[in-house]
Amino acid sequence: CQTGGGRMMLPMKKDFTLVLQIEDELGSTAALLEKFSGNSWKISELVTLVHILLHGAGQEADYLALGNRMLKEGLDHYLTSALSFLRLLHWPHNKKV
């Protein structure tokens, strides 16, 4: 999905298939929420999460090309979207984040 500004929009729906893929690749979604809320995450983790979310929405993206696009555009948009998705999964159970 694209916005008018050309940035990718990530899907924001609760889907257990996505959760399984995310946890298989990256570990617990609760731990990811904590990582991405702080400064202890890797860029490759963010690229992997975005890649899984896009794939879950039926959008095929080459992993390396996606990583390069994200670096070129800046990571803030993607980090904000990733956090929104992870918070959606854990609300209201994780109110401190």
Protein backbone atom coordinates (compact mmCIF):
# COMPACT_ATOMS: atom_id res chain seq x y z
CA CYS A 1 0.00 0.00 0.00
CA GLN A 2 1.19 3.51 -0.72
CA THR A 3 0.30 6.90 0.66
CA GLY A 4 0.26 10.05 -1.38
CA GLY A 5 3.79 10.72 -0.17
CA GLY A 6 5.05 7.44 -1.59
CA ARG A 7 5.67 5.77 1.77
CA MET A 8 4.42 2.28 2.42
CA MET A 9 1.42 1.87 4.66
CA LEU A 10 1.58 -1.24 6.79
CA PRO A 11 -1.49 -3.35 7.53
CA MET A 12 -2.87 -2.88 11.04
CA LYS A 13 -5.03 -5.91 11.73
CA LYS A 14 -4.80 -8.64 14.32
CA ASP A 15 -4.05 -11.87 12.48
CA PHE A 16 -2.76 -15.02 14.16
CA THR A 17 -0.94 -16.15 11.02
CA LEU A 18 1.09 -12.94 11.14
CA VAL A 19 1.78 -13.42 14.84
CA LEU A 20 3.06 -16.95 14.20
CA GLN A 21 5.36 -15.76 11.42
CA ILE A 22 6.65 -12.85 13.51
CA GLU A 23 7.29 -14.97 16.58
CA ASP A 24 8.95 -17.71 14.49
CA GLU A 25 11.33 -15.18 12.92
CA LEU A 26 11.85 -12.63 15.69
CA GLY A 27 10.63 -14.09 18.98
CA SER A 28 7.90 -12.89 21.31
CA THR A 29 5.81 -9.95 20.13
CA ALA A 30 5.83 -8.61 23.71
CA ALA A 31 9.65 -8.64 23.69
CA LEU A 32 9.64 -6.92 20.29
CA LEU A 33 7.33 -4.23 21.63
CA GLU A 34 9.76 -3.64 24.47
CA LYS A 35 12.77 -3.62 22.11
CA PHE A 36 11.22 -1.22 19.62
CA SER A 37 10.01 1.04 22.42
CA GLY A 38 13.60 1.42 23.58
CA ASN A 39 16.90 1.64 21.79
CA SER A 40 17.89 -2.03 21.74
CA TRP A 41 16.59 -3.08 18.33
CA LYS A 42 18.43 -3.92 15.13
CA ILE A 43 17.56 -2.42 11.76
CA SER A 44 17.34 -5.96 10.35
CA GLU A 45 14.64 -6.76 12.94
CA LEU A 46 12.58 -3.80 11.78
CA VAL A 47 13.06 -4.74 8.12
CA THR A 48 12.05 -8.33 8.88
CA LEU A 49 8.92 -7.24 10.74
CA VAL A 50 7.89 -4.87 7.93
CA HIS A 51 8.61 -7.60 5.36
CA ILE A 52 6.35 -10.06 7.23
CA LEU A 53 3.57 -7.46 7.57
CA LEU A 54 3.70 -6.62 3.87
CA HIS A 55 3.69 -10.30 2.93
CA GLY A 56 0.68 -10.84 5.21
CA ALA A 57 -1.13 -8.08 3.32
CA GLY A 58 -0.43 -9.83 0.01
CA GLN A 59 2.36 -7.48 -1.03
CA GLU A 60 5.53 -9.16 -2.22
CA ALA A 61 8.73 -7.23 -1.53
CA ASP A 62 12.33 -8.22 -2.04
CA TYR A 63 13.90 -8.23 1.44
CA LEU A 64 17.12 -6.43 0.47
CA ALA A 65 15.34 -3.89 -1.73
CA LEU A 66 12.90 -3.22 1.13
CA GLY A 67 15.75 -2.69 3.57
CA ASN A 68 17.43 -0.26 1.19
CA ARG A 69 14.15 1.59 0.61
CA MET A 70 13.57 1.89 4.35
CA LEU A 71 17.08 3.25 4.91
CA LYS A 72 16.64 5.73 2.06
CA GLU A 73 13.25 6.96 3.31
CA GLY A 74 14.24 6.95 6.96
CA LEU A 75 13.23 4.45 9.61
CA ASP A 76 10.96 6.66 11.74
CA HIS A 77 7.80 5.99 9.71
CA TYR A 78 8.40 2.24 9.76
CA LEU A 79 9.27 2.17 13.45
CA THR A 80 6.11 4.11 14.29
CA SER A 81 4.01 1.71 12.21
CA ALA A 82 5.68 -1.34 13.74
CA LEU A 83 5.05 -0.02 17.24
CA SER A 84 1.41 0.69 16.38
CA PHE A 85 0.97 -2.88 15.19
CA LEU A 86 2.66 -4.39 18.25
CA ARG A 87 0.66 -2.17 20.60
CA LEU A 88 -2.53 -3.23 18.84
CA LEU A 89 -1.69 -6.84 19.70
CA HIS A 90 -0.94 -6.14 23.35
CA TRP A 91 -3.48 -3.46 24.29
CA PRO A 92 -4.73 -3.25 27.04
CA HIS A 93 -2.44 -5.87 28.56
CA ASN A 94 0.67 -3.72 28.31
CA LYS A 95 -0.48 -0.28 29.48
CA LYS A 96 2.99 0.87 30.58
CA VAL A 97 4.23 1.12 26.98
